Amino acid sequence: MSRKARKPGRRRPRQAEEKNGNAELVAVLPMDIQIGDRFTDAEGEWEVVSHPATLHGAKSLRARVRRTGPPANERAVTWPAHVRVEIRRDQTP
């Protein structure tokens, strides 16, 4: 019986799922972020309102985000391309 060894550096996609109503917590790379995804930082909960755009030779990505609750304000967020971001994504029925 022969077993294939996994190549070093190859990881299975890590998805930490947490059921929260119709949303699940998922760790994704910034290039996989979609409009409508939500994340939380020190300032509160934010919702992505634009597709990520690449910067610096695709080494970082920037997206516009809007605060979900009052006061509703908008800003740009930049993530390094290799760091996973934990977001909440609504499940499609």
Protein backbone atom coordinates (compact mmCIF):
# COMPACT_ATOMS: atom_id res chain seq x y z
CA MET A 1 0.00 0.00 0.00
CA SER A 2 1.48 3.31 -1.00
CA ARG A 3 0.70 6.57 0.72
CA LYS A 4 1.31 9.92 -0.84
CA ALA A 5 3.02 12.37 1.47
CA ARG A 6 1.64 15.87 1.56
CA LYS A 7 3.95 18.44 0.08
CA PRO A 8 5.38 20.87 2.62
CA GLY A 9 3.83 24.29 2.33
CA ARG A 10 0.54 22.91 1.02
CA ARG A 11 -2.21 23.50 3.51
CA ARG A 12 -5.80 22.60 3.39
CA PRO A 13 -8.09 25.64 3.47
CA ARG A 14 -8.84 26.45 7.07
CA GLN A 15 -12.42 27.42 7.67
CA ALA A 16 -13.45 28.02 11.24
CA GLU A 17 -17.19 27.84 11.14
CA GLU A 18 -19.34 29.45 13.76
CA LYS A 19 -23.06 29.47 13.21
CA ASN A 20 -24.42 32.93 13.97
CA GLY A 21 -27.89 33.19 12.48
CA ASN A 22 -27.36 33.00 8.73
CA ALA A 23 -23.66 33.92 8.89
CA GLU A 24 -20.57 31.75 9.30
CA LEU A 25 -17.10 32.79 10.45
CA VAL A 26 -14.52 32.05 7.75
CA ALA A 27 -10.79 32.81 7.54
CA VAL A 28 -10.00 33.84 3.95
CA LEU A 29 -7.22 35.59 2.08
CA PRO A 30 -8.01 39.23 1.23
CA MET A 31 -8.31 38.41 -2.48
CA ASP A 32 -11.32 36.19 -1.64
CA ILE A 33 -13.23 38.92 0.20
CA GLN A 34 -16.62 39.72 -1.35
CA ILE A 35 -19.03 42.63 -1.14
CA GLY A 36 -21.29 42.13 1.87
CA ASP A 37 -18.72 40.30 4.02
CA ARG A 38 -18.48 41.59 7.60
CA PHE A 39 -15.58 41.72 10.04
CA THR A 40 -14.92 43.17 13.48
CA ASP A 41 -11.93 45.19 14.64
CA ALA A 42 -11.20 47.42 17.63
CA GLU A 43 -13.53 50.14 16.30
CA GLY A 44 -16.58 47.91 15.77
CA GLU A 45 -18.27 45.88 13.04
CA TRP A 46 -17.63 46.75 9.38
CA GLU A 47 -19.19 45.63 6.07
CA VAL A 48 -17.23 45.42 2.80
CA VAL A 49 -18.77 47.70 0.12
CA SER A 50 -16.23 47.32 -2.74
CA HIS A 51 -14.16 44.56 -4.30
CA PRO A 52 -10.54 44.43 -3.06
CA ALA A 53 -8.03 46.29 -5.26
CA THR A 54 -4.37 45.30 -5.37
CA LEU A 55 -1.54 47.60 -4.33
CA HIS A 56 2.25 47.39 -4.37
CA GLY A 57 2.52 44.61 -6.97
CA ALA A 58 -0.35 42.61 -5.44
CA LYS A 59 1.43 42.37 -2.06
CA SER A 60 -1.44 44.15 -0.33
CA LEU A 61 -5.14 44.66 -1.00
CA ARG A 62 -7.45 47.54 -0.19
CA ALA A 63 -11.24 47.61 0.06
CA ARG A 64 -13.82 50.20 1.10
CA VAL A 65 -15.77 49.30 4.22
CA ARG A 66 -18.77 50.84 5.99
CA ARG A 67 -19.72 50.62 9.65
CA THR A 68 -22.90 48.57 10.06
CA GLY A 69 -24.42 50.50 12.96
CA PRO A 70 -24.66 54.17 13.79
CA PRO A 71 -22.70 56.31 13.19
CA ALA A 72 -22.48 55.09 9.60
CA ASN A 73 -19.09 56.08 8.22
CA GLU A 74 -16.90 54.70 5.46
CA ARG A 75 -13.14 54.15 5.18
CA ALA A 76 -10.53 52.17 3.27
CA VAL A 77 -8.89 49.13 4.88
CA THR A 78 -5.62 47.60 3.67
CA TRP A 79 -4.56 44.00 4.33
CA PRO A 80 -1.30 42.20 3.46
CA ALA A 81 -2.08 39.68 0.69
CA HIS A 82 -0.68 36.68 2.60
CA VAL A 83 -2.54 37.18 5.91
CA ARG A 84 -5.92 35.52 6.43
CA VAL A 85 -8.83 37.70 7.51
CA GLU A 86 -11.67 36.34 9.64
CA ILE A 87 -14.95 37.47 8.11
CA ARG A 88 -18.62 36.62 8.54
CA ARG A 89 -20.32 35.71 5.31
CA ASP A 90 -24.06 35.21 4.87
CA GLN A 91 -25.00 31.77 3.64
CA THR A 92 -26.94 31.75 0.40
CA PRO A 93 -30.14 29.71 0.67
